[in-house]
Amino acid sequence: MAYPRLLATGAIAALILLTACSKSEQQQTGDGLRSDMQLHDTAYYIANDAARAEMQGVCDKWKASQRSPFSWPSVVVETCNNVASANEAIRRKKDRSDFKKGMGI
């Protein structure tokens, strides 16, 4: 009785594996995607506008590649998270400054 269940489970697993990668994913070569970067923290990217802009461009290319973030090198994931955090911190600081100006503080 366990044999039909095993066969059905195997068929489902094979179907999932076959459909997991679309043709566009299979044709991706990774050309133009950089992962040769040093890992810097959020404070570094807050202080260095040029480095933040450069890494934002790299992160945008990785995002546009439509690859799953789970397949990205860890240095790319960490760098993109740190750049996003730096952008958010800068935006919050600007918003606070604008709010204080509006309140006359």
PDB file of N, CA and C in Angstrom:
ATOM      1  N   MET A   1       0.801  -1.196   0.000  1.00  0.00           N
ATOM      2  CA  MET A   1       0.000   0.000   0.000  1.00  0.00           C
ATOM      3  C   MET A   1       0.848   1.267   0.000  1.00  0.00           C
ATOM      4  N   ALA A   2       2.052   1.194   0.523  1.00  0.00           N
ATOM      5  CA  ALA A   2       2.907   2.367   0.575  1.00  0.00           C
ATOM      6  C   ALA A   2       3.514   2.676  -0.792  1.00  0.00           C
ATOM      7  N   TYR A   3       3.571   1.662  -1.672  1.00  0.00           N
ATOM      8  CA  TYR A   3       4.173   1.854  -2.984  1.00  0.00           C
ATOM      9  C   TYR A   3       3.441   2.904  -3.820  1.00  0.00           C
ATOM     10  N   PRO A   4       2.110   2.896  -3.926  1.00  0.00           N
ATOM     11  CA  PRO A   4       1.414   3.937  -4.707  1.00  0.00           C
ATOM     12  C   PRO A   4       1.651   5.339  -4.128  1.00  0.00           C
ATOM     13  N   ARG A   5       1.710   5.435  -2.812  1.00  0.00           N
ATOM     14  CA  ARG A   5       1.944   6.749  -2.195  1.00  0.00           C
ATOM     15  C   ARG A   5       3.356   7.234  -2.538  1.00  0.00           C
ATOM     16  N   LEU A   6       4.338   6.338  -2.497  1.00  0.00           N
ATOM     17  CA  LEU A   6       5.706   6.683  -2.830  1.00  0.00           C
ATOM     18  C   LEU A   6       5.810   7.096  -4.291  1.00  0.00           C
ATOM     19  N   LEU A   7       5.117   6.386  -5.163  1.00  0.00           N
ATOM     20  CA  LEU A   7       5.117   6.703  -6.581  1.00  0.00           C
ATOM     21  C   LEU A   7       4.491   8.070  -6.834  1.00  0.00           C
ATOM     22  N   ALA A   8       3.393   8.355  -6.166  1.00  0.00           N
ATOM     23  CA  ALA A   8       2.725   9.650  -6.324  1.00  0.00           C
ATOM     24  C   ALA A   8       3.609  10.775  -5.799  1.00  0.00           C
ATOM     25  N   THR A   9       4.265  10.544  -4.679  1.00  0.00           N
ATOM     26  CA  THR A   9       5.156  11.557  -4.113  1.00  0.00           C
ATOM     27  C   THR A   9       6.326  11.815  -5.048  1.00  0.00           C
ATOM     28  N   GLY A  10       6.874  10.762  -5.620  1.00  0.00           N
ATOM     29  CA  GLY A  10       7.986  10.912  -6.570  1.00  0.00           C
ATOM     30  C   GLY A  10       7.565  11.663  -7.814  1.00  0.00           C
ATOM     31  N   ALA A  11       6.356  11.394  -8.307  1.00  0.00           N
ATOM     32  CA  ALA A  11       5.864  12.087  -9.489  1.00  0.00           C
ATOM     33  C   ALA A  11       5.665  13.573  -9.206  1.00  0.00           C
ATOM     34  N   ILE A  12       5.152  13.892  -8.037  1.00  0.00           N
ATOM     35  CA  ILE A  12       4.959  15.300  -7.665  1.00  0.00           C
ATOM     36  C   ILE A  12       6.302  16.006  -7.533  1.00  0.00           C
ATOM     37  N   ALA A  13       7.269  15.353  -6.915  1.00  0.00           N
ATOM     38  CA  ALA A  13       8.596  15.944  -6.758  1.00  0.00           C
ATOM     39  C   ALA A  13       9.244  16.186  -8.123  1.00  0.00           C
ATOM     40  N   ALA A  14       9.103  15.244  -9.038  1.00  0.00           N
ATOM     41  CA  ALA A  14       9.676  15.407 -10.381  1.00  0.00           C
ATOM     42  C   ALA A  14       9.013  16.566 -11.111  1.00  0.00           C
ATOM     43  N   LEU A  15       7.719  16.700 -10.965  1.00  0.00           N
ATOM     44  CA  LEU A  15       6.997  17.794 -11.602  1.00  0.00           C
ATOM     45  C   LEU A  15       7.457  19.141 -11.049  1.00  0.00           C
ATOM     46  N   ILE A  16       7.644  19.230  -9.758  1.00  0.00           N
ATOM     47  CA  ILE A  16       8.111  20.469  -9.141  1.00  0.00           C
ATOM     48  C   ILE A  16       9.509  20.818  -9.634  1.00  0.00           C
ATOM     49  N   LEU A  17      10.387  19.836  -9.717  1.00  0.00           N
ATOM     50  CA  LEU A  17      11.749  20.089 -10.188  1.00  0.00           C
ATOM     51  C   LEU A  17      11.769  20.552 -11.634  1.00  0.00           C
ATOM     52  N   LEU A  18      10.908  19.980 -12.451  1.00  0.00           N
ATOM     53  CA  LEU A  18      10.880  20.361 -13.866  1.00  0.00           C
ATOM     54  C   LEU A  18      10.341  21.768 -14.056  1.00  0.00           C
ATOM     55  N   THR A  19       9.418  22.188 -13.225  1.00  0.00           N
ATOM     56  CA  THR A  19       8.812  23.506 -13.395  1.00  0.00           C
ATOM     57  C   THR A  19       9.476  24.579 -12.546  1.00  0.00           C
ATOM     58  N   ALA A  20      10.459  24.229 -11.758  1.00  0.00           N
ATOM     59  CA  ALA A  20      11.078  25.193 -10.838  1.00  0.00           C
ATOM     60  C   ALA A  20      11.831  26.289 -11.578  1.00  0.00           C
ATOM     61  N   CYS A  21      12.457  25.986 -12.680  1.00  0.00           N
ATOM     62  CA  CYS A  21      13.225  26.983 -13.429  1.00  0.00           C
ATOM     63  C   CYS A  21      12.563  27.242 -14.769  1.00  0.00           C
ATOM     64  N   SER A  22      12.194  28.504 -14.977  1.00  0.00           N
ATOM     65  CA  SER A  22      11.633  28.864 -16.271  1.00  0.00           C
ATOM     66  C   SER A  22      12.760  28.978 -17.281  1.00  0.00           C
ATOM     67  N   LYS A  23      12.421  29.060 -18.570  1.00  0.00           N
ATOM     68  CA  LYS A  23      13.455  29.159 -19.592  1.00  0.00           C
ATOM     69  C   LYS A  23      14.263  30.430 -19.431  1.00  0.00           C
ATOM     70  N   SER A  24      13.615  31.524 -19.011  1.00  0.00           N
ATOM     71  CA  SER A  24      14.368  32.768 -18.844  1.00  0.00           C
ATOM     72  C   SER A  24      15.398  32.630 -17.730  1.00  0.00           C
ATOM     73  N   GLU A  25      15.077  31.894 -16.681  1.00  0.00           N
ATOM     74  CA  GLU A  25      16.043  31.669 -15.604  1.00  0.00           C
ATOM     75  C   GLU A  25      17.177  30.769 -16.063  1.00  0.00           C
ATOM     76  N   GLN A  26      16.857  29.786 -16.891  1.00  0.00           N
ATOM     77  CA  GLN A  26      17.876  28.861 -17.363  1.00  0.00           C
ATOM     78  C   GLN A  26      18.851  29.537 -18.317  1.00  0.00           C
ATOM     79  N   GLN A  27      18.409  30.583 -19.016  1.00  0.00           N
ATOM     80  CA  GLN A  27      19.254  31.262 -19.987  1.00  0.00           C
ATOM     81  C   GLN A  27      20.110  32.357 -19.368  1.00  0.00           C
ATOM     82  N   GLN A  28      19.901  32.664 -18.113  1.00  0.00           N
ATOM     83  CA  GLN A  28      20.673  33.720 -17.472  1.00  0.00           C
ATOM     84  C   GLN A  28      22.099  33.257 -17.250  1.00  0.00           C
ATOM     85  N   THR A  29      23.025  34.098 -17.663  1.00  0.00           N
ATOM     86  CA  THR A  29      24.435  33.749 -17.531  1.00  0.00           C
ATOM     87  C   THR A  29      25.095  34.474 -16.369  1.00  0.00           C
ATOM     88  N   GLY A  30      24.483  35.535 -15.894  1.00  0.00           N
ATOM     89  CA  GLY A  30      25.092  36.312 -14.826  1.00  0.00           C
ATOM     90  C   GLY A  30      26.042  37.369 -15.341  1.00  0.00           C
ATOM     91  N   ASP A  31      26.083  37.568 -16.657  1.00  0.00           N
ATOM     92  CA  ASP A  31      26.946  38.600 -17.228  1.00  0.00           C
ATOM     93  C   ASP A  31      26.542  39.955 -16.686  1.00  0.00           C
ATOM     94  N   GLY A  32      27.515  40.712 -16.248  1.00  0.00           N
ATOM     95  CA  GLY A  32      27.254  42.056 -15.759  1.00  0.00           C
ATOM     96  C   GLY A  32      26.862  42.123 -14.292  1.00  0.00           C
ATOM     97  N   LEU A  33      26.738  40.995 -13.622  1.00  0.00           N
ATOM     98  CA  LEU A  33      26.404  40.987 -12.202  1.00  0.00           C
ATOM     99  C   LEU A  33      27.689  40.895 -11.393  1.00  0.00           C
ATOM    100  N   ARG A  34      27.920  41.898 -10.569  1.00  0.00           N
ATOM    101  CA  ARG A  34      29.146  41.949  -9.773  1.00  0.00           C
ATOM    102  C   ARG A  34      28.912  41.392  -8.381  1.00  0.00           C
ATOM    103  N   SER A  35      29.914  40.696  -7.888  1.00  0.00           N
ATOM    104  CA  SER A  35      29.904  40.272  -6.487  1.00  0.00           C
ATOM    105  C   SER A  35      31.292  40.451  -5.877  1.00  0.00           C
ATOM    106  N   ASP A  36      32.116  41.230  -6.560  1.00  0.00           N
ATOM    107  CA  ASP A  36      33.497  41.464  -6.113  1.00  0.00           C
ATOM    108  C   ASP A  36      33.564  42.759  -5.306  1.00  0.00           C
ATOM    109  N   MET A  37      32.927  42.764  -4.169  1.00  0.00           N
ATOM    110  CA  MET A  37      32.854  43.990  -3.372  1.00  0.00           C
ATOM    111  C   MET A  37      33.248  43.703  -1.938  1.00  0.00           C
ATOM    112  N   GLN A  38      33.737  44.746  -1.286  1.00  0.00           N
ATOM    113  CA  GLN A  38      34.026  44.624   0.133  1.00  0.00           C
ATOM    114  C   GLN A  38      32.741  44.868   0.905  1.00  0.00           C
ATOM    115  N   LEU A  39      32.621  44.216   2.014  1.00  0.00           N
ATOM    116  CA  LEU A  39      31.448  44.398   2.856  1.00  0.00           C
ATOM    117  C   LEU A  39      31.668  45.584   3.784  1.00  0.00           C
ATOM    118  N   HIS A  40      30.799  46.580   3.673  1.00  0.00           N
ATOM    119  CA  HIS A  40      30.847  47.761   4.537  1.00  0.00           C
ATOM    120  C   HIS A  40      29.533  47.853   5.295  1.00  0.00           C
ATOM    121  N   ASP A  41      29.589  48.516   6.447  1.00  0.00           N
ATOM    122  CA  ASP A  41      28.372  48.651   7.242  1.00  0.00           C
ATOM    123  C   ASP A  41      27.556  49.866   6.793  1.00  0.00           C
ATOM    124  N   THR A  42      26.400  50.019   7.405  1.00  0.00           N
ATOM    125  CA  THR A  42      25.480  51.097   7.050  1.00  0.00           C
ATOM    126  C   THR A  42      26.111  52.463   7.280  1.00  0.00           C
ATOM    127  N   ALA A  43      26.848  52.617   8.378  1.00  0.00           N
ATOM    128  CA  ALA A  43      27.482  53.905   8.680  1.00  0.00           C
ATOM    129  C   ALA A  43      28.444  54.330   7.569  1.00  0.00           C
ATOM    130  N   TYR A  44      29.148  53.385   6.981  1.00  0.00           N
ATOM    131  CA  TYR A  44      30.064  53.694   5.876  1.00  0.00           C
ATOM    132  C   TYR A  44      29.292  54.268   4.703  1.00  0.00           C
ATOM    133  N   TYR A  45      28.162  53.647   4.356  1.00  0.00           N
ATOM    134  CA  TYR A  45      27.390  54.114   3.207  1.00  0.00           C
ATOM    135  C   TYR A  45      26.672  55.427   3.497  1.00  0.00           C
ATOM    136  N   ILE A  46      26.365  55.702   4.754  1.00  0.00           N
ATOM    137  CA  ILE A  46      25.790  57.000   5.109  1.00  0.00           C
ATOM    138  C   ILE A  46      26.838  58.096   4.885  1.00  0.00           C
ATOM    139  N   ALA A  47      28.077  57.826   5.231  1.00  0.00           N
ATOM    140  CA  ALA A  47      29.149  58.819   5.138  1.00  0.00           C
ATOM    141  C   ALA A  47      29.717  58.954   3.722  1.00  0.00           C
ATOM    142  N   ASN A  48      29.570  57.963   2.868  1.00  0.00           N
ATOM    143  CA  ASN A  48      30.186  57.967   1.537  1.00  0.00           C
ATOM    144  C   ASN A  48      29.132  57.895   0.443  1.00  0.00           C
ATOM    145  N   ASP A  49      28.743  59.066  -0.059  1.00  0.00           N
ATOM    146  CA  ASP A  49      27.700  59.125  -1.083  1.00  0.00           C
ATOM    147  C   ASP A  49      28.091  58.401  -2.370  1.00  0.00           C
ATOM    148  N   ALA A  50      29.341  58.559  -2.805  1.00  0.00           N
ATOM    149  CA  ALA A  50      29.775  57.942  -4.062  1.00  0.00           C
ATOM    150  C   ALA A  50      29.735  56.414  -3.969  1.00  0.00           C
ATOM    151  N   ALA A  51      30.213  55.876  -2.860  1.00  0.00           N
ATOM    152  CA  ALA A  51      30.195  54.417  -2.679  1.00  0.00           C
ATOM    153  C   ALA A  51      28.760  53.909  -2.608  1.00  0.00           C
ATOM    154  N   ARG A  52      27.892  54.668  -1.926  1.00  0.00           N
ATOM    155  CA  ARG A  52      26.486  54.257  -1.819  1.00  0.00           C
ATOM    156  C   ARG A  52      25.824  54.258  -3.195  1.00  0.00           C
ATOM    157  N   ALA A  53      26.083  55.289  -4.003  1.00  0.00           N
ATOM    158  CA  ALA A  53      25.492  55.363  -5.339  1.00  0.00           C
ATOM    159  C   ALA A  53      25.994  54.215  -6.230  1.00  0.00           C
ATOM    160  N   GLU A  54      27.294  53.916  -6.135  1.00  0.00           N
ATOM    161  CA  GLU A  54      27.856  52.826  -6.932  1.00  0.00           C
ATOM    162  C   GLU A  54      27.219  51.486  -6.549  1.00  0.00           C
ATOM    163  N   MET A  55      27.138  51.220  -5.256  1.00  0.00           N
ATOM    164  CA  MET A  55      26.575  49.949  -4.801  1.00  0.00           C
ATOM    165  C   MET A  55      25.069  49.878  -5.062  1.00  0.00           C
ATOM    166  N   GLN A  56      24.388  51.015  -5.039  1.00  0.00           N
ATOM    167  CA  GLN A  56      22.959  51.019  -5.377  1.00  0.00           C
ATOM    168  C   GLN A  56      22.769  50.559  -6.815  1.00  0.00           C
ATOM    169  N   GLY A  57      23.680  50.998  -7.703  1.00  0.00           N
ATOM    170  CA  GLY A  57      23.634  50.552  -9.095  1.00  0.00           C
ATOM    171  C   GLY A  57      23.856  49.053  -9.223  1.00  0.00           C
ATOM    172  N   VAL A  58      24.800  48.527  -8.449  1.00  0.00           N
ATOM    173  CA  VAL A  58      25.063  47.085  -8.463  1.00  0.00           C
ATOM    174  C   VAL A  58      23.830  46.333  -7.957  1.00  0.00           C
ATOM    175  N   CYS A  59      23.241  46.829  -6.878  1.00  0.00           N
ATOM    176  CA  CYS A  59      22.052  46.175  -6.314  1.00  0.00           C
ATOM    177  C   CYS A  59      20.880  46.216  -7.291  1.00  0.00           C
ATOM    178  N   ASP A  60      20.731  47.335  -7.989  1.00  0.00           N
ATOM    179  CA  ASP A  60      19.653  47.445  -8.976  1.00  0.00           C
ATOM    180  C   ASP A  60      19.827  46.425 -10.096  1.00  0.00           C
ATOM    181  N   LYS A  61      21.077  46.175 -10.505  1.00  0.00           N
ATOM    182  CA  LYS A  61      21.329  45.161 -11.540  1.00  0.00           C
ATOM    183  C   LYS A  61      20.971  43.764 -11.031  1.00  0.00           C
ATOM    184  N   TRP A  62      21.319  43.473  -9.780  1.00  0.00           N
ATOM    185  CA  TRP A  62      20.977  42.165  -9.219  1.00  0.00           C
ATOM    186  C   TRP A  62      19.460  42.013  -9.136  1.00  0.00           C
ATOM    187  N   LYS A  63      18.766  43.064  -8.713  1.00  0.00           N
ATOM    188  CA  LYS A  63      17.305  42.989  -8.624  1.00  0.00           C
ATOM    189  C   LYS A  63      16.684  42.810  -9.998  1.00  0.00           C
ATOM    190  N   ALA A  64      17.219  43.501 -10.996  1.00  0.00           N
ATOM    191  CA  ALA A  64      16.685  43.408 -12.355  1.00  0.00           C
ATOM    192  C   ALA A  64      16.961  42.050 -12.997  1.00  0.00           C
ATOM    193  N   SER A  65      17.913  41.307 -12.455  1.00  0.00           N
ATOM    194  CA  SER A  65      18.245  40.002 -13.030  1.00  0.00           C
ATOM    195  C   SER A  65      17.130  38.978 -12.807  1.00  0.00           C
ATOM    196  N   GLN A  66      16.202  39.291 -11.929  1.00  0.00           N
ATOM    197  CA  GLN A  66      15.073  38.425 -11.585  1.00  0.00           C
ATOM    198  C   GLN A  66      15.513  37.087 -11.004  1.00  0.00           C
ATOM    199  N   ARG A  67      16.715  37.049 -10.504  1.00  0.00           N
ATOM    200  CA  ARG A  67      17.159  35.852  -9.790  1.00  0.00           C
ATOM    201  C   ARG A  67      16.596  35.892  -8.383  1.00  0.00           C
ATOM    202  N   SER A  68      16.345  34.766  -7.851  1.00  0.00           N
ATOM    203  CA  SER A  68      15.874  34.697  -6.480  1.00  0.00           C
ATOM    204  C   SER A  68      16.947  35.233  -5.547  1.00  0.00           C
ATOM    205  N   PRO A  69      16.594  36.103  -4.590  1.00  0.00           N
ATOM    206  CA  PRO A  69      17.605  36.591  -3.638  1.00  0.00           C
ATOM    207  C   PRO A  69      18.278  35.461  -2.864  1.00  0.00           C
ATOM    208  N   PHE A  70      17.638  34.302  -2.786  1.00  0.00           N
ATOM    209  CA  PHE A  70      18.235  33.164  -2.101  1.00  0.00           C
ATOM    210  C   PHE A  70      19.449  32.619  -2.861  1.00  0.00           C
ATOM    211  N   SER A  71      19.557  32.957  -4.155  1.00  0.00           N
ATOM    212  CA  SER A  71      20.688  32.483  -4.953  1.00  0.00           C
ATOM    213  C   SER A  71      21.803  33.521  -5.045  1.00  0.00           C
ATOM    214  N   TRP A  72      21.598  34.696  -4.463  1.00  0.00           N
ATOM    215  CA  TRP A  72      22.616  35.745  -4.507  1.00  0.00           C
ATOM    216  C   TRP A  72      23.754  35.411  -3.554  1.00  0.00           C
ATOM    217  N   PRO A  73      24.988  35.824  -3.885  1.00  0.00           N
ATOM    218  CA  PRO A  73      26.093  35.668  -2.925  1.00  0.00           C
ATOM    219  C   PRO A  73      25.793  36.476  -1.659  1.00  0.00           C
ATOM    220  N   SER A  74      26.242  35.990  -0.536  1.00  0.00           N
ATOM    221  CA  SER A  74      25.917  36.648   0.733  1.00  0.00           C
ATOM    222  C   SER A  74      26.461  38.066   0.809  1.00  0.00           C
ATOM    223  N   VAL A  75      27.615  38.329   0.191  1.00  0.00           N
ATOM    224  CA  VAL A  75      28.159  39.684   0.226  1.00  0.00           C
ATOM    225  C   VAL A  75      27.239  40.651  -0.523  1.00  0.00           C
ATOM    226  N   VAL A  76      26.583  40.189  -1.557  1.00  0.00           N
ATOM    227  CA  VAL A  76      25.657  41.041  -2.303  1.00  0.00           C
ATOM    228  C   VAL A  76      24.417  41.322  -1.458  1.00  0.00           C
ATOM    229  N   VAL A  77      23.889  40.299  -0.821  1.00  0.00           N
ATOM    230  CA  VAL A  77      22.702  40.479   0.024  1.00  0.00           C
ATOM    231  C   VAL A  77      22.998  41.461   1.151  1.00  0.00           C
ATOM    232  N   GLU A  78      24.113  41.265   1.848  1.00  0.00           N
ATOM    233  CA  GLU A  78      24.471  42.146   2.958  1.00  0.00           C
ATOM    234  C   GLU A  78      24.714  43.577   2.482  1.00  0.00           C
ATOM    235  N   THR A  79      25.422  43.722   1.366  1.00  0.00           N
ATOM    236  CA  THR A  79      25.702  45.055   0.838  1.00  0.00           C
ATOM    237  C   THR A  79      24.414  45.765   0.446  1.00  0.00           C
ATOM    238  N   CYS A  80      23.534  45.068  -0.247  1.00  0.00           N
ATOM    239  CA  CYS A  80      22.275  45.690  -0.659  1.00  0.00           C
ATOM    240  C   CYS A  80      21.415  46.058   0.552  1.00  0.00           C
ATOM    241  N   ASN A  81      21.416  45.208   1.570  1.00  0.00           N
ATOM    242  CA  ASN A  81      20.680  45.543   2.793  1.00  0.00           C
ATOM    243  C   ASN A  81      21.283  46.767   3.476  1.00  0.00           C
ATOM    244  N   ASN A  82      22.616  46.853   3.523  1.00  0.00           N
ATOM    245  CA  ASN A  82      23.269  47.991   4.158  1.00  0.00           C
ATOM    246  C   ASN A  82      23.045  49.280   3.372  1.00  0.00           C
ATOM    247  N   VAL A  83      23.057  49.201   2.047  1.00  0.00           N
ATOM    248  CA  VAL A  83      22.787  50.380   1.216  1.00  0.00           C
ATOM    249  C   VAL A  83      21.343  50.839   1.415  1.00  0.00           C
ATOM    250  N   ALA A  84      20.413  49.901   1.444  1.00  0.00           N
ATOM    251  CA  ALA A  84      19.008  50.255   1.666  1.00  0.00           C
ATOM    252  C   ALA A  84      18.815  50.880   3.049  1.00  0.00           C
ATOM    253  N   SER A  85      19.502  50.347   4.041  1.00  0.00           N
ATOM    254  CA  SER A  85      19.413  50.908   5.395  1.00  0.00           C
ATOM    255  C   SER A  85      19.998  52.313   5.435  1.00  0.00           C
ATOM    256  N   ALA A  86      21.101  52.524   4.731  1.00  0.00           N
ATOM    257  CA  ALA A  86      21.701  53.861   4.677  1.00  0.00           C
ATOM    258  C   ALA A  86      20.767  54.848   3.992  1.00  0.00           C
ATOM    259  N   ASN A  87      20.162  54.435   2.887  1.00  0.00           N
ATOM    260  CA  ASN A  87      19.210  55.310   2.198  1.00  0.00           C
ATOM    261  C   ASN A  87      18.034  55.656   3.099  1.00  0.00           C
ATOM    262  N   GLU A  88      17.548  54.688   3.830  1.00  0.00           N
ATOM    263  CA  GLU A  88      16.429  54.914   4.742  1.00  0.00           C
ATOM    264  C   GLU A  88      16.830  55.853   5.882  1.00  0.00           C
ATOM    265  N   ALA A  89      18.026  55.677   6.429  1.00  0.00           N
ATOM    266  CA  ALA A  89      18.495  56.542   7.511  1.00  0.00           C
ATOM    267  C   ALA A  89      18.648  57.982   7.034  1.00  0.00           C
ATOM    268  N   ILE A  90      19.170  58.158   5.838  1.00  0.00           N
ATOM    269  CA  ILE A  90      19.323  59.505   5.271  1.00  0.00           C
ATOM    270  C   ILE A  90      17.953  60.134   5.034  1.00  0.00           C
ATOM    271  N   ARG A  91      17.009  59.352   4.514  1.00  0.00           N
ATOM    272  CA  ARG A  91      15.662  59.868   4.276  1.00  0.00           C
ATOM    273  C   ARG A  91      14.992  60.267   5.593  1.00  0.00           C
ATOM    274  N   ARG A  92      15.134  59.440   6.628  1.00  0.00           N
ATOM    275  CA  ARG A  92      14.544  59.767   7.933  1.00  0.00           C
ATOM    276  C   ARG A  92      15.153  61.025   8.529  1.00  0.00           C
ATOM    277  N   LYS A  93      16.470  61.182   8.386  1.00  0.00           N
ATOM    278  CA  LYS A  93      17.138  62.379   8.908  1.00  0.00           C
ATOM    279  C   LYS A  93      16.633  63.621   8.191  1.00  0.00           C
ATOM    280  N   LYS A  94      16.459  63.535   6.877  1.00  0.00           N
ATOM    281  CA  LYS A  94      15.943  64.658   6.105  1.00  0.00           C
ATOM    282  C   LYS A  94      14.504  64.970   6.507  1.00  0.00           C
ATOM    283  N   ASP A  95      13.689  63.931   6.675  1.00  0.00           N
ATOM    284  CA  ASP A  95      12.291  64.132   7.091  1.00  0.00           C
ATOM    285  C   ASP A  95      12.217  64.792   8.467  1.00  0.00           C
ATOM    286  N   ARG A  96      13.063  64.357   9.398  1.00  0.00           N
ATOM    287  CA  ARG A  96      13.092  64.981  10.733  1.00  0.00           C
ATOM    288  C   ARG A  96      13.493  66.440  10.647  1.00  0.00           C
ATOM    289  N   SER A  97      14.492  66.726   9.823  1.00  0.00           N
ATOM    290  CA  SER A  97      14.955  68.104   9.650  1.00  0.00           C
ATOM    291  C   SER A  97      13.853  68.973   9.054  1.00  0.00           C
ATOM    292  N   ASP A  98      13.169  68.447   8.036  1.00  0.00           N
ATOM    293  CA  ASP A  98      12.062  69.189   7.422  1.00  0.00           C
ATOM    294  C   ASP A  98      10.936  69.408   8.424  1.00  0.00           C
ATOM    295  N   PHE A  99      10.642  68.424   9.246  1.00  0.00           N
ATOM    296  CA  PHE A  99       9.589  68.550  10.252  1.00  0.00           C
ATOM    297  C   PHE A  99       9.954  69.619  11.285  1.00  0.00           C
ATOM    298  N   LYS A 100      11.214  69.606  11.719  1.00  0.00           N
ATOM    299  CA  LYS A 100      11.656  70.598  12.708  1.00  0.00           C
ATOM    300  C   LYS A 100      11.588  72.007  12.121  1.00  0.00           C
ATOM    301  N   LYS A 101      11.971  72.161  10.850  1.00  0.00           N
ATOM    302  CA  LYS A 101      11.878  73.463  10.205  1.00  0.00           C
ATOM    303  C   LYS A 101      10.422  73.909  10.142  1.00  0.00           C
ATOM    304  N   GLY A 102       9.543  72.978   9.798  1.00  0.00           N
ATOM    305  CA  GLY A 102       8.116  73.301   9.721  1.00  0.00           C
ATOM    306  C   GLY A 102       7.536  73.692  11.057  1.00  0.00           C
ATOM    307  N   MET A 103       8.067  73.135  12.121  1.00  0.00           N
ATOM    308  CA  MET A 103       7.587  73.461  13.477  1.00  0.00           C
ATOM    309  C   MET A 103       8.299  74.690  14.046  1.00  0.00           C
ATOM    310  N   GLY A 104       9.289  75.207  13.344  1.00  0.00           N
ATOM    311  CA  GLY A 104      10.017  76.374  13.829  1.00  0.00           C
ATOM    312  C   GLY A 104      11.020  76.065  14.912  1.00  0.00           C
ATOM    313  N   ILE A 105      11.481  74.833  14.942  1.00  0.00           N
ATOM    314  CA  ILE A 105      12.441  74.419  15.968  1.00  0.00           C
ATOM    315  C   ILE A 105      13.852  74.566  15.435  1.00  0.00           C
TER     316      ILE A 105
END
